[in-house]
Each structure stands twice: as structure tokens, then as C-alpha cells.
Protein backbone atom coordinates (compact mmCIF):
# COMPACT_ATOMS: atom_id res chain seq x y z
CA MET A 1 66.59 110.18 139.92
CA THR A 2 65.57 111.27 136.38
CA THR A 3 64.53 114.91 135.98
CA ARG A 4 62.59 117.05 133.56
CA SER A 5 65.58 116.81 131.12
CA GLY A 6 65.53 112.90 131.14
CA ARG A 7 69.14 113.06 132.32
CA PRO A 8 70.02 112.04 135.93
CA GLY A 9 70.78 115.15 138.02
CA ALA A 10 70.15 117.65 135.05
CA PHE A 11 67.33 120.13 134.77
CA LEU A 12 67.98 121.36 131.24
CA SER A 13 67.71 118.94 128.42
CA ALA A 14 70.87 118.41 126.26
CA ALA A 15 69.17 120.50 123.50
CA GLU A 16 68.26 123.40 125.95
CA LYS A 17 71.79 123.36 127.34
CA GLU A 18 73.32 123.58 123.85
CA GLN A 19 70.81 126.38 122.98
CA VAL A 20 72.03 128.45 125.99
CA GLU A 21 75.78 127.70 125.47
CA GLN A 22 75.51 128.59 121.76
CA ALA A 23 73.85 131.87 122.78
CA ILE A 24 76.68 132.59 125.20
CA ALA A 25 79.34 131.83 122.66
CA ALA A 26 77.64 134.06 120.04
CA ALA A 27 77.29 136.84 122.49
CA GLU A 28 80.79 136.83 123.56
CA ARG A 29 82.12 136.96 119.86
CA GLU A 30 80.64 140.53 119.87
CA THR A 31 81.57 141.82 123.26
CA SER A 32 84.42 141.87 125.80
CA GLY A 33 81.82 141.02 128.44
CA GLU A 34 81.43 137.68 130.07
CA ILE A 35 78.17 135.84 130.65
CA ARG A 36 77.62 132.72 132.78
CA VAL A 37 74.45 130.70 133.39
CA LEU A 38 74.01 128.79 136.57
CA VAL A 39 71.11 126.34 137.15
CA SER A 40 70.90 125.50 140.86
CA ARG A 41 68.66 123.07 142.86
CA THR A 42 70.09 124.28 146.14
CA VAL A 43 69.21 127.93 146.45
CA ARG A 44 67.58 128.88 149.66
CA GLY A 45 66.34 132.35 150.55
CA ASP A 46 66.74 135.30 148.18
CA PRO A 47 68.01 134.16 144.79
CA LEU A 48 69.66 137.63 144.29
CA ASP A 49 71.78 136.97 147.36
CA ALA A 50 72.63 133.49 146.03
CA ALA A 51 73.56 134.95 142.68
CA ARG A 52 75.90 137.53 144.34
CA GLU A 53 77.56 134.77 146.34
CA ARG A 54 78.01 132.38 143.34
CA PHE A 55 79.28 135.37 141.25
CA ALA A 56 82.07 135.78 143.76
CA ARG A 57 82.64 131.96 144.07
CA LEU A 58 82.98 131.69 140.28
CA LYS A 59 85.50 134.58 140.37
CA MET A 60 83.35 136.56 137.90
CA HIS A 61 84.49 139.75 139.54
CA GLN A 62 87.95 139.21 138.19
CA THR A 63 87.24 140.18 134.58
CA ARG A 64 89.37 142.95 133.22
CA GLU A 65 86.66 145.42 132.68
CA ARG A 66 84.26 144.24 135.61
CA ASN A 67 81.67 143.45 132.84
CA ALA A 68 80.53 139.95 133.68
CA VAL A 69 76.94 138.88 134.20
CA LEU A 70 75.56 135.82 136.01
CA ILE A 71 72.07 134.50 135.23
CA LEU A 72 71.00 132.17 138.03
CA LEU A 73 67.88 129.85 137.82
CA ALA A 74 66.83 128.38 141.16
CA VAL A 75 64.90 125.28 140.21
CA ALA A 76 63.36 124.24 143.49
CA SER A 77 61.96 127.55 144.30
CA ARG A 78 61.10 128.34 140.61
CA ARG A 79 62.86 131.79 141.04
CA PHE A 80 65.73 133.44 139.21
CA ALA A 81 68.11 136.36 139.53
CA VAL A 82 70.63 138.22 137.36
CA TRP A 83 73.76 139.68 138.85
CA GLY A 84 75.90 142.02 136.91
CA ASP A 85 79.37 143.32 137.95
CA GLU A 86 79.76 147.02 138.72
CA GLY A 87 80.72 148.02 135.31
CA VAL A 88 77.52 146.52 133.78
CA HIS A 89 75.12 147.58 136.57
CA ARG A 90 76.19 151.21 136.08
CA ILE A 91 74.87 151.05 132.61
CA VAL A 92 71.82 148.77 132.85
CA GLY A 93 70.27 150.15 136.06
CA GLN A 94 67.13 148.67 137.64
CA GLU A 95 64.98 149.42 134.70
CA GLY A 96 67.09 147.33 132.50
CA TRP A 97 67.12 144.44 134.90
CA ASP A 98 63.32 144.65 135.26
CA HIS A 99 63.06 144.51 131.56
CA LEU A 100 65.20 141.29 131.51
CA ARG A 101 63.17 139.79 134.33
CA ASP A 102 59.86 140.32 132.55
CA GLY A 103 61.11 138.70 129.27
CA MET A 104 62.48 135.72 131.15
CA THR A 105 59.23 135.38 133.16
CA ARG A 106 57.15 135.14 129.84
CA HIS A 107 59.42 132.15 128.74
CA PHE A 108 59.39 130.49 132.10
CA GLN A 109 55.64 130.63 132.42
CA ARG A 110 55.54 128.47 129.27
CA ASP A 111 58.12 125.99 130.71
CA ASP A 112 60.58 127.23 128.14
CA PHE A 113 63.54 127.31 130.35
CA GLY A 114 66.18 126.95 127.62
CA GLY A 115 64.51 129.70 125.54
CA GLY A 116 64.22 131.95 128.60
CA LEU A 117 67.91 131.57 129.49
CA ALA A 118 68.84 132.03 125.83
CA TYR A 119 66.65 135.17 125.67
CA ALA A 120 68.34 136.57 128.78
CA VAL A 121 71.79 135.91 127.40
CA GLY A 122 70.81 137.76 124.15
CA GLU A 123 69.42 140.75 125.92
CA VAL A 124 72.51 140.97 128.13
CA ALA A 125 74.62 140.66 125.00
CA LYS A 126 72.92 143.67 123.39
CA VAL A 127 73.90 145.83 126.38
CA LEU A 128 77.41 144.42 126.49
CA LYS A 129 77.93 144.82 122.81
CA THR A 130 76.97 148.55 122.97
CA HIS A 131 79.02 149.43 125.93
CA PHE A 132 81.74 146.81 125.99
CA PRO A 133 82.41 145.92 122.27
CA TRP A 134 84.73 143.10 121.33
CA GLN A 135 88.34 144.35 120.96
CA PRO A 136 91.15 142.64 119.12
CA ASP A 137 93.03 141.96 122.35
CA ASP A 138 89.92 140.36 124.02
CA ARG A 139 90.20 136.77 125.34
CA ASP A 140 87.48 134.58 126.75
CA GLU A 141 88.02 135.04 130.46
CA LEU A 142 85.37 132.61 131.76
CA PRO A 143 83.96 129.26 130.52
CA ASN A 144 80.84 129.33 128.42
CA GLN A 145 79.25 126.15 129.72
CA VAL A 146 76.09 126.14 131.70
CA VAL A 147 76.86 125.33 135.29
CA GLU A 148 74.41 122.91 137.00
CA GLU A 149 74.63 122.28 140.62
């Protein structure tokens, strides 16, 4: 089956995927935080619950400073969720997540999924850079590739 991306089994085009992965790499050069993006066709129910479950499955809670963020796009239901570890959530709060949601929604309404995900990565990076700046002993704790399932 060919999808919107033109690649079998993929939702994002190769260019969109590269755009998001470059945004992740750029963000993580300035922060000790970790950002992952997951595009899933199989989310049923509340995408926030799915993000929480996948966050744990991807072992994102094991970062040194508990400062990882997962951005999940549920393709079939056309919904999304962002799940931040406890260190990030304490700082961002609901108002910050709502701001992120609103910006992503504007992109997604224009079918700009790569742009919406890259926007989200950039906004998360701003918060992480301020509160979890890059340190000389930092290491990349999680892969930067977009996960598609």
C-alpha cells in the first residue's frame, strides 16, 4: 500500500522526515534534553495515554535529568499528544503544552505534518535550552530518528 508519503508503509515523506530529524539534531546540540517523534497508525483511544505508554516502552524515562519529551502523531485518528518527563513537565505546565498544541494544530490543519512536527521540536527545544542547557559532559541518550509504527 502506498501512502501520503509515496513510500510503502510511511506517512511522512522522506523530506518531511529529514526536516524533523534535522530539527531534533539541532535542538539537542543546545540542550541536555532528549526529543523523540513517533508517528503511529495504531493508536486507539486517548493519544495522551498512548504517548505515556510509548514513552515508557522507548525507555525515555531513563534519561539522566528526566528531561525527555515524546511527540506522538496518531495518523488514523488525526490526533496527537506530547508527553514530557517529570523534569520537563514541572517547568512547562499545562499552559506550555496548550501553546504547543495550538501551534501544531495550525500546521496540521494545512496538511503540513513535517512542519508541524518540526515546529513542536523547536518549541520544546526552546524550553529545554533554557532549563536544561547543553553541558560539556552531555551525551545523546536517545536516537534522533523519527519512529514510524
